[in-house]
Structures are given as structure tokens and as C-alpha cells.
């Protein structure tokens, strides 16, 4: 810890931009650094749309019980999220 604080005080660090992912539903927006996962609280599937930027690469709608969106940094951690309860619709 001392080593890290000393480097910080001496300005011996770099700031790295990282990709983010966002899930939005009505007025709710959830941001993630590695991944964002959502699924239905109940047993029924739902319709949803996926966008990358302003484009929808999968067409109009997808039908399923959830979706996992991961950045390149989340590729090794996304399976951990799939087992947790983060966001219910």
C-alpha cells in the first residue's frame, strides 16, 4: 500500500480510458465497466432491443428471459454476473 501511495504522490501513474456498457429501462440507467446483466424476475420471457451506439445489430426485437452485455474487459468476468441478481424488470 505504501508503494502505491508514494507513486500516486509523485504523479507516477497513468489514467486509462475503459469501455463502458449501459442498460436502460424507462428512466432507469445502469452503467457497468465490465458487464451488465438483466433478466426477468418472473418466469415469463420479454421482448427487448439491443443497441451498439445507435445501431441495433440484431434487428427490431429479441425475445428471451434476459441479456448479458459485456465489454472486452468483461469477457472473463461475465459468467460471475450471470449468477447474481442485479436488475429485475
Protein backbone atom coordinates (compact mmCIF):
# COMPACT_ATOMS: atom_id res chain seq x y z
CA UNK A 1 0.00 0.00 0.00
CA UNK A 2 2.81 2.42 0.86
CA UNK A 3 4.37 1.84 -2.56
CA UNK A 4 1.10 2.68 -4.32
CA UNK A 5 0.55 5.86 -2.27
CA UNK A 6 4.13 7.00 -2.90
CA UNK A 7 3.68 6.58 -6.66
CA UNK A 8 0.41 8.48 -6.50
CA UNK A 9 2.00 11.39 -4.60
CA UNK A 10 4.90 11.52 -7.13
CA UNK A 11 2.43 11.55 -10.05
CA UNK A 12 3.83 8.23 -11.27
CA UNK A 13 0.59 6.81 -12.59
CA UNK A 14 -1.48 6.85 -15.74
CA UNK A 15 -5.17 7.23 -16.34
CA UNK A 16 -6.60 4.68 -18.72
CA UNK A 17 -9.91 5.09 -20.53
CA UNK A 18 -12.06 1.98 -20.31
CA UNK A 19 -15.11 0.96 -22.36
CA UNK A 20 -18.46 1.06 -20.56
CA UNK A 21 -21.77 -0.65 -21.10
CA UNK A 22 -25.23 0.69 -20.25
CA UNK A 23 -28.66 -0.85 -19.76
CA UNK A 24 -31.65 1.49 -19.75
CA UNK A 25 -35.28 0.83 -18.93
CA UNK A 26 -37.71 3.75 -18.91
CA UNK A 27 -35.98 6.36 -16.69
CA UNK A 28 -33.53 3.89 -15.12
CA UNK A 29 -29.96 3.65 -16.44
CA UNK A 30 -27.38 1.17 -15.16
CA UNK A 31 -23.72 1.59 -16.18
CA UNK A 32 -21.07 -1.09 -15.96
CA UNK A 33 -17.33 -1.19 -16.54
CA UNK A 34 -17.14 -4.90 -17.38
CA UNK A 35 -20.67 -6.10 -17.96
CA UNK A 36 -24.34 -5.52 -17.27
CA UNK A 37 -26.82 -8.36 -16.99
CA UNK A 38 -30.57 -8.18 -16.74
CA UNK A 39 -33.28 -10.79 -16.59
CA UNK A 40 -36.95 -11.12 -15.79
CA UNK A 41 -37.85 -11.60 -12.16
CA UNK A 42 -40.68 -13.86 -13.19
CA UNK A 43 -40.69 -16.95 -15.37
CA UNK A 44 -42.02 -15.19 -18.47
CA UNK A 45 -39.83 -14.09 -21.36
CA UNK A 46 -39.85 -10.50 -22.59
CA UNK A 47 -39.08 -8.51 -25.72
CA UNK A 48 -36.12 -6.14 -25.74
CA UNK A 49 -33.82 -4.28 -28.12
CA UNK A 50 -30.03 -4.20 -28.10
CA UNK A 51 -28.07 -1.21 -29.41
CA UNK A 52 -24.39 -0.71 -30.04
CA UNK A 53 -24.10 3.04 -30.31
CA UNK A 54 -27.23 3.97 -32.25
CA UNK A 55 -27.39 0.77 -34.30
CA UNK A 56 -29.41 -2.35 -33.47
CA UNK A 57 -27.33 -5.24 -34.89
CA UNK A 58 -29.96 -7.86 -34.04
CA UNK A 59 -32.88 -6.22 -35.84
CA UNK A 60 -36.03 -4.92 -34.25
CA UNK A 61 -36.53 -7.04 -31.15
CA UNK A 62 -35.12 -10.01 -29.30
CA UNK A 63 -37.28 -12.34 -27.25
CA UNK A 64 -35.91 -14.04 -24.18
CA UNK A 65 -35.60 -14.05 -20.42
CA UNK A 66 -32.51 -11.84 -20.17
CA UNK A 67 -29.46 -10.35 -21.78
CA UNK A 68 -25.80 -10.02 -20.88
CA UNK A 69 -23.81 -7.15 -22.39
CA UNK A 70 -20.05 -7.25 -21.78
CA UNK A 71 -17.11 -5.10 -22.80
CA UNK A 72 -13.82 -6.62 -23.86
CA UNK A 73 -12.70 -6.26 -20.23
CA UNK A 74 -15.70 -8.19 -19.02
CA UNK A 75 -15.10 -11.23 -21.15
CA UNK A 76 -13.58 -13.23 -18.29
CA UNK A 77 -15.91 -11.96 -15.56
CA UNK A 78 -19.29 -12.04 -17.28
CA UNK A 79 -20.16 -15.53 -16.07
CA UNK A 80 -19.89 -14.37 -12.44
CA UNK A 81 -22.52 -11.73 -13.08
CA UNK A 82 -24.88 -14.21 -14.70
CA UNK A 83 -25.20 -15.95 -11.35
CA UNK A 84 -26.01 -12.82 -9.36
CA UNK A 85 -29.24 -10.83 -9.03
CA UNK A 86 -28.50 -7.33 -10.28
CA UNK A 87 -31.51 -5.90 -12.05
CA UNK A 88 -35.09 -7.11 -12.29
CA UNK A 89 -37.78 -5.92 -14.71
